[in-house]
N, C-alpha and C. Protein backbone atom coordinates (compact mmCIF):
# COMPACT_ATOMS: atom_id res chain seq x y z
N MET A 1 53.64 -15.53 10.48
CA MET A 1 52.57 -15.67 9.40
C MET A 1 52.27 -14.17 8.83
N THR A 2 52.24 -13.90 7.61
CA THR A 2 52.11 -12.51 7.30
C THR A 2 50.57 -12.30 7.28
N LYS A 3 50.29 -11.06 7.97
CA LYS A 3 48.86 -10.52 8.00
C LYS A 3 48.34 -10.13 6.69
N PRO A 4 47.04 -10.15 6.35
CA PRO A 4 46.70 -9.51 5.17
C PRO A 4 46.64 -8.15 5.23
N CYS A 5 46.92 -7.53 4.16
CA CYS A 5 47.02 -5.98 4.09
C CYS A 5 45.43 -5.57 4.20
N PRO A 6 45.26 -4.35 4.89
CA PRO A 6 43.94 -3.75 4.93
C PRO A 6 43.59 -3.09 3.52
N PRO A 7 42.32 -3.19 3.10
CA PRO A 7 41.94 -2.71 1.87
C PRO A 7 42.45 -1.36 1.60
N ASN A 8 42.77 -1.01 0.40
CA ASN A 8 43.23 0.52 -0.05
C ASN A 8 42.01 1.25 0.18
N ARG A 9 42.33 2.51 0.88
CA ARG A 9 41.28 3.35 1.29
C ARG A 9 40.38 3.91 -0.02
N SER A 10 41.21 4.20 -1.09
CA SER A 10 40.59 4.86 -2.20
C SER A 10 39.81 3.74 -2.91
N THR A 11 40.19 2.45 -2.93
CA THR A 11 39.56 1.31 -3.59
C THR A 11 38.29 1.07 -2.79
N SER A 12 38.22 1.19 -1.49
CA SER A 12 37.12 0.97 -0.59
C SER A 12 35.98 2.02 -0.74
N LEU A 13 36.57 3.24 -0.98
CA LEU A 13 35.71 4.44 -1.26
C LEU A 13 34.99 4.27 -2.65
N GLU A 14 35.63 3.79 -3.52
CA GLU A 14 35.15 3.71 -4.84
C GLU A 14 34.04 2.62 -4.96
N ARG A 15 34.38 1.61 -4.22
CA ARG A 15 33.45 0.37 -4.11
C ARG A 15 32.21 0.89 -3.38
N ALA A 16 32.44 1.61 -2.25
CA ALA A 16 31.13 2.29 -1.49
C ALA A 16 30.32 3.06 -2.40
N LEU A 17 30.89 3.91 -3.27
CA LEU A 17 30.24 4.82 -4.10
C LEU A 17 29.48 4.10 -5.17
N GLN A 18 30.06 2.95 -5.62
CA GLN A 18 29.39 2.25 -6.69
C GLN A 18 28.18 1.60 -6.04
N VAL A 19 28.25 1.02 -4.85
CA VAL A 19 27.14 0.34 -4.22
C VAL A 19 26.00 1.33 -3.94
N PHE A 20 26.42 2.44 -3.42
CA PHE A 20 25.23 3.55 -3.22
C PHE A 20 24.65 4.17 -4.57
N ARG A 21 25.42 4.23 -5.58
CA ARG A 21 24.83 4.82 -6.93
C ARG A 21 23.96 3.68 -7.54
N ALA A 22 24.36 2.46 -7.32
CA ALA A 22 23.39 1.41 -7.69
C ALA A 22 21.92 1.37 -7.19
N GLN A 23 21.80 1.96 -5.95
CA GLN A 23 20.68 2.06 -5.21
C GLN A 23 20.11 3.37 -5.23
N GLY A 24 20.45 4.20 -6.30
CA GLY A 24 19.80 5.56 -6.36
C GLY A 24 20.42 6.50 -5.42
N GLY A 25 21.51 6.12 -4.78
CA GLY A 25 22.31 7.09 -3.85
C GLY A 25 21.73 7.02 -2.41
N VAL A 26 20.76 6.13 -2.15
CA VAL A 26 20.23 6.02 -0.86
C VAL A 26 20.28 4.59 -0.40
N LEU A 27 20.81 4.23 0.84
CA LEU A 27 20.89 2.91 1.34
C LEU A 27 21.00 2.98 2.85
N ARG A 28 20.57 1.71 3.40
CA ARG A 28 20.84 1.54 4.77
C ARG A 28 22.15 1.05 4.97
N MET A 29 22.71 1.31 6.09
CA MET A 29 23.98 0.90 6.48
C MET A 29 24.00 -0.58 6.48
N ALA A 30 23.02 -1.13 6.99
CA ALA A 30 23.17 -2.74 7.06
C ALA A 30 23.18 -3.32 5.73
N ALA A 31 22.48 -2.74 4.86
CA ALA A 31 22.50 -3.27 3.43
C ALA A 31 23.87 -2.93 2.72
N ALA A 32 24.39 -1.85 2.97
CA ALA A 32 25.79 -1.53 2.45
C ALA A 32 26.76 -2.48 2.89
N ILE A 33 26.65 -2.68 4.30
CA ILE A 33 27.78 -3.58 4.81
C ILE A 33 27.55 -5.12 4.19
N LYS A 34 26.30 -5.38 4.17
CA LYS A 34 26.10 -6.77 3.49
C LYS A 34 26.46 -6.80 2.12
N GLN A 35 26.66 -5.70 1.33
CA GLN A 35 27.14 -5.86 0.06
C GLN A 35 28.70 -5.49 -0.02
N GLY A 36 29.42 -5.69 1.09
CA GLY A 36 30.84 -5.54 1.06
C GLY A 36 31.50 -4.23 1.54
N VAL A 37 30.71 -3.22 1.87
CA VAL A 37 31.32 -1.95 2.11
C VAL A 37 31.48 -2.01 3.78
N HIS A 38 32.74 -1.64 4.02
CA HIS A 38 33.17 -1.78 5.38
C HIS A 38 32.71 -0.58 6.37
N ARG A 39 32.22 -0.91 7.55
CA ARG A 39 31.61 0.08 8.46
C ARG A 39 32.55 1.30 8.56
N VAL A 40 33.84 1.01 8.59
CA VAL A 40 34.75 2.24 8.89
C VAL A 40 34.67 3.09 7.57
N THR A 41 34.61 2.56 6.35
CA THR A 41 34.48 3.39 5.09
C THR A 41 33.26 4.20 5.23
N LEU A 42 32.09 3.61 5.73
CA LEU A 42 30.87 4.45 5.87
C LEU A 42 31.12 5.58 6.73
N TYR A 43 31.75 5.38 7.93
CA TYR A 43 31.72 6.36 8.88
C TYR A 43 32.71 7.60 8.30
N ARG A 44 33.81 7.21 7.57
CA ARG A 44 34.78 8.14 6.96
C ARG A 44 34.02 8.98 5.89
N MET A 45 33.21 8.36 5.13
CA MET A 45 32.39 9.04 4.30
C MET A 45 31.50 9.94 4.83
N PHE A 46 30.81 9.63 5.96
CA PHE A 46 29.99 10.42 6.65
C PHE A 46 30.67 11.72 7.16
N GLU A 47 31.83 11.42 7.89
CA GLU A 47 32.69 12.53 8.50
C GLU A 47 33.09 13.41 7.50
N ASP A 48 33.49 12.98 6.22
CA ASP A 48 34.00 13.84 5.18
C ASP A 48 32.95 14.45 4.30
N GLY A 49 31.63 14.25 4.82
CA GLY A 49 30.63 14.91 4.10
C GLY A 49 30.22 14.31 2.79
N LEU A 50 30.59 13.06 2.43
CA LEU A 50 30.12 12.40 1.34
C LEU A 50 28.80 11.73 1.49
N LEU A 51 28.47 11.46 2.73
CA LEU A 51 27.17 10.92 2.98
C LEU A 51 26.52 11.80 3.97
N GLU A 52 25.04 11.85 3.87
CA GLU A 52 24.31 12.48 4.72
C GLU A 52 23.19 11.57 5.38
N ARG A 53 22.85 11.84 6.69
CA ARG A 53 22.03 10.74 7.43
C ARG A 53 20.65 11.38 7.15
N MET A 54 19.84 10.43 6.56
CA MET A 54 18.35 10.84 6.34
C MET A 54 17.52 10.33 7.46
N SER A 55 17.97 9.26 8.25
CA SER A 55 17.24 8.58 9.24
C SER A 55 18.21 7.62 10.06
N ARG A 56 17.63 7.24 10.98
CA ARG A 56 18.57 6.23 11.79
C ARG A 56 18.91 4.96 10.93
N GLY A 57 20.27 4.99 10.67
CA GLY A 57 20.78 3.80 9.86
C GLY A 57 20.57 3.98 8.34
N LEU A 58 20.21 5.10 7.95
CA LEU A 58 19.82 5.27 6.53
C LEU A 58 20.54 6.47 6.01
N TYR A 59 21.33 6.38 4.96
CA TYR A 59 22.15 7.44 4.42
C TYR A 59 22.03 7.61 2.83
N ARG A 60 22.43 8.76 2.56
CA ARG A 60 22.47 9.06 0.98
C ARG A 60 23.68 9.79 0.60
N LEU A 61 24.00 9.80 -0.63
CA LEU A 61 25.24 10.36 -1.21
C LEU A 61 24.73 11.96 -1.26
N SER A 62 25.73 12.72 -0.63
CA SER A 62 25.43 14.17 -0.62
C SER A 62 25.49 14.82 -1.95
N ALA A 63 26.19 14.28 -2.86
CA ALA A 63 26.34 14.87 -4.26
C ALA A 63 25.21 14.55 -5.07
N THR A 64 24.29 13.65 -4.82
CA THR A 64 23.27 13.29 -5.62
C THR A 64 22.22 14.37 -5.77
N THR A 65 21.25 14.33 -6.79
CA THR A 65 20.32 15.32 -6.92
C THR A 65 19.29 15.36 -5.66
N PRO A 66 18.85 16.45 -5.13
CA PRO A 66 18.11 16.57 -4.02
C PRO A 66 16.88 15.75 -4.27
N LEU A 67 16.42 15.10 -3.29
CA LEU A 67 15.22 14.18 -3.51
C LEU A 67 13.80 14.98 -3.59
N GLU A 68 12.92 14.55 -4.56
CA GLU A 68 11.56 15.21 -4.52
C GLU A 68 10.77 14.82 -3.31
N ASN A 69 10.75 13.45 -3.00
CA ASN A 69 9.93 12.91 -2.04
C ASN A 69 10.86 12.30 -0.92
N PRO A 70 11.60 12.90 -0.24
CA PRO A 70 12.55 12.26 0.80
C PRO A 70 11.92 11.49 1.90
N ASP A 71 10.59 11.92 2.30
CA ASP A 71 9.98 11.32 3.44
C ASP A 71 9.38 9.85 2.86
N LEU A 72 8.88 9.92 1.65
CA LEU A 72 8.50 8.62 1.18
C LEU A 72 9.72 7.55 1.02
N VAL A 73 10.82 8.02 0.48
CA VAL A 73 12.01 7.23 0.32
C VAL A 73 12.39 6.64 1.58
N VAL A 74 12.52 7.59 2.70
CA VAL A 74 13.07 7.10 3.91
C VAL A 74 12.06 5.96 4.49
N VAL A 75 10.68 6.13 4.43
CA VAL A 75 9.83 5.31 4.85
C VAL A 75 9.90 3.82 4.01
N ALA A 76 10.06 4.00 2.77
CA ALA A 76 10.09 2.81 1.84
C ALA A 76 11.37 2.06 2.13
N LYS A 77 12.47 2.72 2.53
CA LYS A 77 13.68 2.03 2.90
C LYS A 77 13.71 1.32 4.27
N ARG A 78 13.05 2.13 5.11
CA ARG A 78 12.98 1.67 6.53
C ARG A 78 11.97 0.61 6.89
N VAL A 79 10.79 0.59 5.94
CA VAL A 79 9.69 -0.25 6.27
C VAL A 79 9.42 -0.79 4.82
N PRO A 80 10.15 -1.67 4.36
CA PRO A 80 10.00 -2.08 2.86
C PRO A 80 8.77 -3.01 2.82
N GLN A 81 8.24 -3.61 3.85
CA GLN A 81 7.03 -4.29 3.80
C GLN A 81 5.69 -3.43 3.98
N GLY A 82 5.82 -2.08 4.29
CA GLY A 82 4.84 -1.33 4.39
C GLY A 82 4.33 -0.81 3.09
N VAL A 83 3.03 -0.19 3.16
CA VAL A 83 2.41 0.33 2.12
C VAL A 83 1.92 1.79 2.41
N ILE A 84 2.20 2.72 1.54
CA ILE A 84 1.73 4.22 1.64
C ILE A 84 0.18 4.15 1.64
N CYS A 85 -0.42 4.68 2.55
CA CYS A 85 -1.92 4.64 2.52
C CYS A 85 -2.54 5.84 2.90
N LEU A 86 -3.92 5.95 3.09
CA LEU A 86 -4.72 7.03 3.61
C LEU A 86 -4.36 8.40 3.03
N VAL A 87 -4.13 9.47 3.86
CA VAL A 87 -3.97 10.79 3.59
C VAL A 87 -2.73 10.90 2.78
N SER A 88 -1.56 10.02 3.04
CA SER A 88 -0.30 10.15 2.22
C SER A 88 -0.50 9.62 0.87
N ALA A 89 -1.42 8.54 0.79
CA ALA A 89 -1.55 8.08 -0.53
C ALA A 89 -2.54 9.07 -1.34
N LEU A 90 -3.44 9.77 -0.69
CA LEU A 90 -4.36 10.83 -1.35
C LEU A 90 -3.29 11.89 -1.82
N ALA A 91 -2.37 12.31 -1.01
CA ALA A 91 -1.40 13.37 -1.52
C ALA A 91 -0.57 12.81 -2.61
N PHE A 92 -0.26 11.54 -2.78
CA PHE A 92 0.53 11.07 -3.74
C PHE A 92 -0.14 11.18 -5.03
N HIS A 93 -1.39 10.70 -4.97
CA HIS A 93 -2.37 10.76 -6.11
C HIS A 93 -2.93 12.06 -6.43
N ASP A 94 -2.55 13.10 -5.54
CA ASP A 94 -3.20 14.36 -5.97
C ASP A 94 -4.53 14.43 -5.82
N LEU A 95 -5.06 13.74 -4.65
CA LEU A 95 -6.54 13.52 -4.32
C LEU A 95 -6.98 14.56 -3.21
N THR A 96 -6.11 15.25 -2.65
CA THR A 96 -6.27 16.10 -1.41
C THR A 96 -5.30 17.28 -1.55
N LEU A 97 -5.82 18.41 -1.04
CA LEU A 97 -4.89 19.57 -0.89
C LEU A 97 -4.22 19.61 0.55
N GLN A 98 -4.54 18.55 1.32
CA GLN A 98 -3.87 18.51 2.50
C GLN A 98 -2.25 18.15 2.35
N ILE A 99 -1.62 18.72 3.45
CA ILE A 99 -0.18 18.61 3.46
C ILE A 99 0.10 17.64 4.77
N PRO A 100 0.24 16.22 4.57
CA PRO A 100 0.34 15.44 5.56
C PRO A 100 1.37 15.74 6.68
N HIS A 101 1.11 15.69 7.88
CA HIS A 101 2.13 15.91 8.97
C HIS A 101 2.72 14.76 9.34
N ALA A 102 2.35 13.65 8.89
CA ALA A 102 3.12 12.36 9.21
C ALA A 102 2.77 11.44 7.91
N ILE A 103 3.62 10.57 7.67
CA ILE A 103 3.39 9.53 6.71
C ILE A 103 2.43 8.46 7.04
N ASP A 104 1.33 8.22 6.47
CA ASP A 104 0.44 6.96 6.84
C ASP A 104 0.93 5.92 6.18
N ILE A 105 1.10 4.82 6.91
CA ILE A 105 1.64 3.59 6.46
C ILE A 105 0.88 2.28 6.93
N ALA A 106 0.56 1.53 6.04
CA ALA A 106 -0.09 0.27 6.28
C ALA A 106 0.77 -0.86 6.55
N THR A 107 0.66 -1.68 7.53
CA THR A 107 1.36 -2.95 7.86
C THR A 107 0.50 -4.15 8.00
N PRO A 108 0.83 -5.35 7.69
CA PRO A 108 0.01 -6.51 8.18
C PRO A 108 -0.19 -6.50 9.67
N ARG A 109 -1.27 -6.92 9.98
CA ARG A 109 -1.76 -6.80 11.40
C ARG A 109 -0.91 -7.46 12.32
N ASN A 110 -0.12 -8.54 11.98
CA ASN A 110 0.77 -9.24 12.87
C ASN A 110 2.25 -8.88 12.70
N ALA A 111 2.57 -7.82 12.00
CA ALA A 111 3.94 -7.32 11.78
C ALA A 111 4.68 -6.69 12.84
N GLU A 112 5.93 -6.66 13.03
CA GLU A 112 6.59 -5.96 13.95
C GLU A 112 6.25 -4.37 13.84
N PRO A 113 6.26 -3.75 14.92
CA PRO A 113 5.82 -2.27 14.84
C PRO A 113 7.16 -1.62 14.08
N PRO A 114 6.89 -0.78 13.16
CA PRO A 114 8.11 -0.14 12.48
C PRO A 114 8.99 0.83 13.41
N ARG A 115 10.05 0.91 13.28
CA ARG A 115 10.84 1.90 14.08
C ARG A 115 11.54 2.89 13.23
N VAL A 116 10.74 4.07 13.01
CA VAL A 116 11.41 5.15 12.25
C VAL A 116 11.35 6.47 13.03
N ASP A 117 12.64 7.02 13.21
CA ASP A 117 12.68 8.32 14.07
C ASP A 117 12.29 9.48 13.26
N TYR A 118 12.51 9.48 11.97
CA TYR A 118 12.10 10.68 11.17
C TYR A 118 12.01 10.01 9.80
N PRO A 119 11.01 10.53 8.98
CA PRO A 119 9.84 11.43 9.37
C PRO A 119 8.99 10.72 10.27
N PRO A 120 7.96 11.51 10.87
CA PRO A 120 6.93 11.02 11.77
C PRO A 120 5.94 10.05 10.90
N ILE A 121 5.39 8.99 11.47
CA ILE A 121 4.71 8.11 10.70
C ILE A 121 3.42 7.72 11.67
N ARG A 122 2.35 7.30 10.98
CA ARG A 122 1.25 6.89 11.50
C ARG A 122 0.93 5.48 10.92
N VAL A 123 0.87 4.53 11.93
CA VAL A 123 0.87 3.15 11.44
C VAL A 123 -0.60 2.54 11.47
N PHE A 124 -1.03 1.97 10.31
CA PHE A 124 -2.31 1.32 10.35
C PHE A 124 -2.21 -0.19 10.29
N ARG A 125 -2.86 -0.90 10.92
CA ARG A 125 -2.70 -2.30 10.87
C ARG A 125 -3.92 -2.81 10.13
N PHE A 126 -3.42 -3.48 8.95
CA PHE A 126 -4.71 -4.06 8.09
C PHE A 126 -4.70 -5.67 8.25
N SER A 127 -5.93 -6.08 7.85
CA SER A 127 -5.96 -7.53 7.83
C SER A 127 -5.40 -8.01 6.57
N ALA A 128 -5.04 -9.38 6.48
CA ALA A 128 -4.29 -9.73 5.18
C ALA A 128 -5.00 -9.52 3.96
N ALA A 129 -6.43 -9.63 3.90
CA ALA A 129 -6.96 -9.24 2.60
C ALA A 129 -7.00 -7.86 2.27
N THR A 130 -7.20 -7.09 3.24
CA THR A 130 -7.22 -5.56 3.11
C THR A 130 -5.79 -5.02 2.85
N PHE A 131 -4.88 -5.73 3.37
CA PHE A 131 -3.43 -5.11 3.23
C PHE A 131 -2.96 -5.59 1.82
N SER A 132 -3.29 -6.74 1.25
CA SER A 132 -2.57 -7.08 0.09
C SER A 132 -3.35 -6.52 -1.13
N ALA A 133 -4.54 -6.04 -1.07
CA ALA A 133 -5.32 -5.51 -2.17
C ALA A 133 -4.94 -4.13 -2.77
N GLY A 134 -4.77 -3.89 -4.06
CA GLY A 134 -4.58 -2.63 -4.64
C GLY A 134 -3.21 -2.00 -4.33
N ILE A 135 -2.22 -2.87 -4.17
CA ILE A 135 -0.74 -2.30 -4.11
C ILE A 135 -0.17 -1.96 -5.44
N GLU A 136 0.40 -0.83 -5.59
CA GLU A 136 1.14 -0.43 -6.70
C GLU A 136 2.71 -0.08 -6.33
N VAL A 137 3.54 -0.20 -7.14
CA VAL A 137 5.09 -0.10 -6.80
C VAL A 137 5.52 0.96 -7.72
N HIS A 138 5.81 2.29 -7.16
CA HIS A 138 6.28 3.32 -8.01
C HIS A 138 7.76 3.62 -7.83
N ALA A 139 8.50 4.00 -8.72
CA ALA A 139 9.94 4.41 -8.75
C ALA A 139 9.81 5.84 -8.37
N ILE A 140 10.40 6.16 -7.06
CA ILE A 140 10.41 7.46 -6.58
C ILE A 140 11.84 7.70 -6.00
N ASP A 141 12.46 8.75 -6.85
CA ASP A 141 13.76 9.07 -6.46
C ASP A 141 14.71 7.94 -6.34
N GLY A 142 14.66 6.92 -7.29
CA GLY A 142 15.39 5.77 -7.22
C GLY A 142 15.17 4.61 -6.24
N ALA A 143 14.10 4.86 -5.59
CA ALA A 143 13.57 3.94 -4.56
C ALA A 143 12.26 3.34 -5.00
N SER A 144 11.92 2.16 -4.75
CA SER A 144 10.70 1.27 -5.06
C SER A 144 9.78 1.64 -3.87
N VAL A 145 8.66 2.34 -4.03
CA VAL A 145 7.71 2.79 -2.96
C VAL A 145 6.32 2.28 -3.22
N ARG A 146 5.89 1.42 -2.25
CA ARG A 146 4.74 0.75 -2.42
C ARG A 146 3.45 1.67 -1.84
N VAL A 147 2.52 1.80 -2.86
CA VAL A 147 1.52 2.75 -2.45
C VAL A 147 0.09 2.14 -3.11
N TYR A 148 -1.04 2.28 -2.21
CA TYR A 148 -2.12 1.86 -2.64
C TYR A 148 -2.73 2.72 -3.83
N CYS A 149 -3.29 1.88 -4.77
CA CYS A 149 -3.93 2.69 -5.99
C CYS A 149 -5.02 3.65 -5.58
N ARG A 150 -5.43 4.38 -6.39
CA ARG A 150 -6.42 5.47 -6.02
C ARG A 150 -7.71 4.97 -5.55
N GLU A 151 -8.18 3.92 -6.23
CA GLU A 151 -9.54 3.28 -5.91
C GLU A 151 -9.52 2.59 -4.35
N LYS A 152 -8.39 1.87 -4.25
CA LYS A 152 -8.18 1.23 -2.94
C LYS A 152 -8.12 2.26 -1.73
N THR A 153 -7.24 3.38 -2.07
CA THR A 153 -7.08 4.40 -1.27
C THR A 153 -8.47 5.01 -0.89
N LEU A 154 -9.47 5.36 -1.79
CA LEU A 154 -10.62 5.90 -1.46
C LEU A 154 -11.41 5.01 -0.53
N ALA A 155 -11.45 3.63 -0.80
CA ALA A 155 -12.00 2.60 -0.01
C ALA A 155 -11.60 2.58 1.51
N ASP A 156 -10.17 2.70 1.62
CA ASP A 156 -9.61 2.81 2.78
C ASP A 156 -10.06 4.04 3.71
N CYS A 157 -10.06 5.13 2.90
CA CYS A 157 -10.43 6.42 3.68
C CYS A 157 -12.00 6.43 4.07
N PHE A 158 -12.86 5.66 3.36
CA PHE A 158 -14.05 5.62 3.93
C PHE A 158 -14.14 4.63 4.99
N LYS A 159 -13.37 3.65 5.18
CA LYS A 159 -13.17 2.77 6.23
C LYS A 159 -12.71 3.53 7.56
N TYR A 160 -11.81 4.45 7.25
CA TYR A 160 -11.19 5.26 8.40
C TYR A 160 -11.72 6.57 8.48
N ARG A 161 -13.03 6.93 7.95
CA ARG A 161 -13.63 8.26 7.82
C ARG A 161 -13.78 8.83 9.17
N ASN A 162 -13.91 8.22 10.23
CA ASN A 162 -14.23 8.79 11.56
C ASN A 162 -12.72 9.31 12.03
N LYS A 163 -11.82 8.72 11.54
CA LYS A 163 -10.43 9.31 12.04
C LYS A 163 -9.94 10.36 11.21
N LEU A 164 -10.29 10.25 9.93
CA LEU A 164 -9.85 11.29 8.76
C LEU A 164 -10.79 12.50 8.74
N GLY A 165 -12.13 12.23 8.89
CA GLY A 165 -13.13 13.25 8.65
C GLY A 165 -13.67 13.19 7.22
N MET A 166 -15.10 13.25 7.35
CA MET A 166 -15.72 12.98 6.14
C MET A 166 -15.38 14.16 4.95
N ASP A 167 -14.99 15.33 5.54
CA ASP A 167 -14.67 16.40 4.50
C ASP A 167 -13.48 16.08 3.73
N THR A 168 -12.48 15.37 4.32
CA THR A 168 -11.40 14.89 3.66
C THR A 168 -11.68 13.59 2.64
N VAL A 169 -12.49 12.83 3.02
CA VAL A 169 -13.04 11.67 2.08
C VAL A 169 -13.78 12.27 0.93
N LEU A 170 -14.65 13.22 1.20
CA LEU A 170 -15.59 13.63 0.08
C LEU A 170 -14.73 14.48 -0.71
N GLU A 171 -13.77 15.26 -0.25
CA GLU A 171 -12.80 16.02 -1.12
C GLU A 171 -12.22 15.10 -2.09
N ALA A 172 -11.56 14.10 -1.55
CA ALA A 172 -10.84 13.10 -2.36
C ALA A 172 -11.77 12.41 -3.41
N LEU A 173 -12.87 12.12 -2.91
CA LEU A 173 -13.81 11.58 -4.10
C LEU A 173 -14.16 12.57 -5.23
N LYS A 174 -14.42 13.77 -4.88
CA LYS A 174 -14.71 14.70 -5.93
C LYS A 174 -13.50 15.06 -6.91
N ARG A 175 -12.23 15.13 -6.25
CA ARG A 175 -11.12 15.22 -7.00
C ARG A 175 -10.82 14.06 -7.93
N TYR A 176 -11.07 12.90 -7.37
CA TYR A 176 -10.90 11.69 -8.16
C TYR A 176 -11.86 11.79 -9.58
N LYS A 177 -13.03 12.18 -9.22
CA LYS A 177 -13.95 12.28 -10.28
C LYS A 177 -13.53 13.35 -11.43
N GLU A 178 -12.95 14.47 -10.94
CA GLU A 178 -12.59 15.55 -11.71
C GLU A 178 -11.21 15.18 -12.57
N LYS A 179 -10.50 14.34 -11.90
CA LYS A 179 -9.09 14.10 -12.57
C LYS A 179 -8.96 12.83 -13.23
N HIS A 180 -9.86 11.89 -13.06
CA HIS A 180 -9.59 10.43 -13.47
C HIS A 180 -10.85 9.83 -13.92
N ARG A 181 -10.72 8.89 -14.65
CA ARG A 181 -11.91 8.10 -15.06
C ARG A 181 -12.47 7.44 -13.90
N PHE A 182 -13.76 7.54 -13.77
CA PHE A 182 -14.60 7.01 -12.60
C PHE A 182 -14.78 5.61 -12.68
N GLU A 183 -13.83 4.71 -11.98
CA GLU A 183 -13.95 3.24 -12.14
C GLU A 183 -14.87 2.73 -11.10
N VAL A 184 -16.06 2.79 -11.40
CA VAL A 184 -17.04 2.32 -10.32
C VAL A 184 -16.79 0.78 -9.72
N GLU A 185 -16.56 0.06 -10.89
CA GLU A 185 -16.43 -1.51 -10.46
C GLU A 185 -15.22 -1.68 -9.50
N ALA A 186 -14.10 -0.83 -10.01
CA ALA A 186 -12.86 -1.12 -8.95
C ALA A 186 -13.23 -0.47 -7.55
N LEU A 187 -13.84 0.63 -7.63
CA LEU A 187 -14.20 1.17 -6.26
C LEU A 187 -15.17 0.36 -5.46
N LEU A 188 -16.14 -0.27 -6.13
CA LEU A 188 -17.05 -1.20 -5.31
C LEU A 188 -16.22 -2.52 -4.92
N ARG A 189 -15.32 -2.87 -5.83
CA ARG A 189 -14.63 -4.09 -5.43
C ARG A 189 -13.75 -4.02 -4.12
N TYR A 190 -13.10 -2.81 -4.16
CA TYR A 190 -12.22 -2.40 -3.01
C TYR A 190 -13.13 -2.17 -1.65
N ALA A 191 -14.33 -1.61 -2.04
CA ALA A 191 -15.20 -1.22 -0.89
C ALA A 191 -15.68 -2.59 -0.24
N GLU A 192 -16.00 -3.69 -1.01
CA GLU A 192 -16.36 -5.02 -0.49
C GLU A 192 -15.22 -5.56 0.30
N ILE A 193 -13.98 -5.43 -0.27
CA ILE A 193 -12.63 -5.90 0.51
C ILE A 193 -12.65 -5.26 1.93
N CYS A 194 -12.86 -4.08 1.74
CA CYS A 194 -12.75 -3.04 3.04
C CYS A 194 -14.00 -3.18 3.95
N ARG A 195 -15.09 -3.89 3.47
CA ARG A 195 -16.25 -3.81 4.15
C ARG A 195 -16.97 -2.57 4.39
N VAL A 196 -16.88 -1.78 3.44
CA VAL A 196 -17.56 -0.28 3.51
C VAL A 196 -18.53 -0.12 2.38
N ALA A 197 -18.91 -1.22 1.63
CA ALA A 197 -19.74 -1.15 0.35
C ALA A 197 -21.02 -0.36 0.67
N LYS A 198 -21.73 -0.70 1.79
CA LYS A 198 -22.94 -0.06 1.98
C LYS A 198 -22.83 1.43 2.46
N VAL A 199 -21.56 1.75 2.95
CA VAL A 199 -21.34 3.20 3.29
C VAL A 199 -21.09 3.94 2.01
N MET A 200 -20.18 3.38 1.06
CA MET A 200 -19.71 4.18 0.02
C MET A 200 -20.84 4.22 -1.18
N ARG A 201 -21.63 3.22 -1.28
CA ARG A 201 -22.51 3.23 -2.46
C ARG A 201 -23.37 4.48 -2.67
N PRO A 202 -23.89 4.98 -1.56
CA PRO A 202 -24.75 6.21 -1.85
C PRO A 202 -23.90 7.33 -2.36
N TYR A 203 -22.72 7.41 -1.77
CA TYR A 203 -21.87 8.46 -2.12
C TYR A 203 -21.42 8.42 -3.66
N LEU A 204 -21.17 7.11 -3.98
CA LEU A 204 -20.79 6.95 -5.49
C LEU A 204 -21.98 7.17 -6.42
N GLU A 205 -23.19 6.72 -5.93
CA GLU A 205 -24.32 7.13 -6.76
C GLU A 205 -24.70 8.50 -6.89
N ALA A 206 -24.43 9.26 -5.81
CA ALA A 206 -24.73 10.74 -5.76
C ALA A 206 -23.60 11.50 -6.69
N THR A 207 -22.38 10.87 -6.70
CA THR A 207 -21.37 11.53 -7.61
C THR A 207 -21.38 11.22 -8.90
N LEU A 208 -22.04 10.21 -9.39
CA LEU A 208 -22.19 9.78 -10.91
C LEU A 208 -23.05 10.76 -11.58
């Protein structure tokens, strides 16, 4: 019986390049294999310098434009059910001057712990109602990144004020007022969801 011929190397390479380009140049190995790219082809691309490793199991095409927010892209790809929150969300919305040393990410309370070797992450487990409220999806470097909106982020920061420090929270509130329309109703709605309305209200009244 005649054995099937192995796929042509150049054809396999072109197929792999098409799959990566369709995903903005960044893809998990498992996802690439699921889309028909052979594991051997991926190893050869990595050895030949066509792919670079961003994190465990996550690769990007070396020839693509450098990413503006590689850490957010890695976390979005590795933890697709997570949402960027707290200081990382403040930084994304330009509501803080802090440079986060880790990516803050929210997950449902009963979710499996995320496994990300790089970048460093801080995981916060939210209840179902708190987790699902205020999620926005932003296209960043070709990836879909889930981030809490500004108002939800501020409410979350008040909830975690003891961990973040009130200086960080009040700086964010001040920058929010300076840069954006002050959406009092939205802020109070998310404050109710996060159960910090009594804490937030005096600060909102003082800011108006």
